[in-house]
Protein backbone atom coordinates (compact mmCIF):
# COMPACT_ATOMS: atom_id res chain seq x y z
CA MET A 1 18.28 -6.89 5.31
CA HIS A 2 20.58 -6.70 2.22
CA GLU A 3 22.88 -9.26 3.76
CA ALA A 4 19.92 -11.48 4.48
CA GLY A 5 18.93 -11.37 0.80
CA VAL A 6 15.72 -9.57 1.54
CA THR A 7 14.44 -7.19 -1.27
CA PHE A 8 13.46 -4.00 0.20
CA GLY A 9 13.04 -0.31 -0.73
CA PRO A 10 11.08 2.73 0.09
CA VAL A 11 7.31 2.79 0.10
CA ALA A 12 6.24 5.95 -1.68
CA THR A 13 2.87 7.69 -1.46
CA PRO A 14 1.39 9.44 -4.50
CA ALA A 15 2.50 12.64 -3.08
CA ASP A 16 6.14 11.43 -2.89
CA LEU A 17 6.19 10.56 -6.54
CA ALA A 18 5.81 14.12 -7.77
CA HIS A 19 9.24 14.78 -6.23
CA ASP A 20 10.86 11.49 -7.48
CA ARG A 21 14.00 12.55 -9.42
CA GLN A 22 14.06 9.33 -11.42
CA ALA A 23 10.38 9.39 -12.46
CA ARG A 24 10.83 13.05 -13.61
CA ALA A 25 14.24 12.24 -15.40
CA VAL A 26 12.76 9.43 -17.44
CA GLU A 27 9.59 11.45 -18.03
CA ALA A 28 7.43 8.83 -16.35
CA LEU A 29 5.66 12.04 -14.89
CA ALA A 30 5.25 15.12 -16.88
CA PRO A 31 3.14 18.24 -16.43
CA PHE A 32 0.02 18.92 -18.41
CA GLU A 33 0.68 21.60 -21.00
CA GLY A 34 0.47 25.06 -19.38
CA THR A 35 0.14 23.80 -15.82
CA ASP A 36 2.32 22.31 -12.95
CA MET A 37 -0.20 19.44 -12.59
CA LEU A 38 1.52 16.19 -13.19
CA THR A 39 0.19 13.13 -15.10
CA ILE A 40 1.71 9.66 -15.95
CA MET A 41 3.22 9.64 -19.30
CA SER A 42 2.99 6.66 -21.78
CA PRO A 43 5.81 4.20 -21.07
CA PHE A 44 6.32 3.63 -24.81
CA HIS A 45 9.14 5.43 -26.81
CA VAL A 46 9.30 5.45 -30.52
CA GLU A 47 12.83 6.24 -31.74
CA GLY A 48 13.11 9.46 -33.69
CA SER A 49 9.55 10.49 -32.69
CA PRO A 50 9.03 12.88 -29.73
CA LYS A 51 6.25 12.15 -27.30
CA ALA A 52 3.19 14.38 -27.44
CA ARG A 53 3.00 16.52 -24.30
CA PRO A 54 -0.13 15.87 -22.17
CA ARG A 55 -2.93 18.45 -22.37
CA LEU A 56 -5.95 18.90 -20.24
CA ALA A 57 -9.33 17.73 -21.78
CA ALA A 58 -11.59 20.25 -23.33
CA GLU A 59 -14.34 21.80 -21.32
CA ILE A 60 -17.70 20.11 -21.29
CA GLY A 61 -19.53 21.42 -24.39
CA ALA A 62 -16.55 22.87 -25.93
CA HIS A 63 -17.24 20.98 -29.32
CA SER A 64 -20.90 20.66 -29.17
CA ALA A 65 -21.64 23.24 -31.95
CA GLU A 66 -19.13 21.52 -34.34
CA VAL A 67 -20.48 18.11 -33.63
CA LEU A 68 -24.14 19.13 -34.09
CA ALA A 69 -23.16 21.08 -37.29
CA GLU A 70 -21.38 17.94 -38.76
CA ALA A 71 -24.61 16.01 -37.94
CA GLY A 72 -26.51 18.48 -39.99
CA TYR A 73 -28.07 20.89 -37.49
CA ASP A 74 -28.18 24.47 -38.61
CA PRO A 75 -26.64 27.22 -36.51
CA ALA A 76 -30.04 28.70 -35.49
CA TYR A 77 -31.08 25.27 -34.08
CA ILE A 78 -27.85 24.84 -32.35
CA ALA A 79 -28.17 28.25 -30.69
CA ARG A 80 -31.68 27.35 -29.59
CA LEU A 81 -30.46 24.18 -28.04
CA ARG A 82 -27.72 26.09 -26.29
CA GLY A 83 -30.23 28.70 -25.08
CA LEU A 84 -32.47 25.92 -23.57
CA GLY A 85 -29.48 24.46 -21.83
CA VAL A 86 -29.58 21.24 -23.68
CA VAL A 87 -25.98 21.61 -24.83
CA GLY A 88 -23.08 23.57 -23.33
């Protein structure tokens, strides 16, 4: 194929990519902080500034109390909402 001028290469599956040495070497794939689960990293590099490591998203409701408090709700009302299952 090469002699005929045909561009070719392997066709990888998503599962194959996790083991791709080049993708890992250039940090195109990196594990989430504290896990072995991979994610795609930003393709942008800023000289002199390290990339932030990927983190998993917060659990649902993890910041509800802080957000409600910033909106002016008092702790007793927030606890009531939590007790009623309105917020997590």
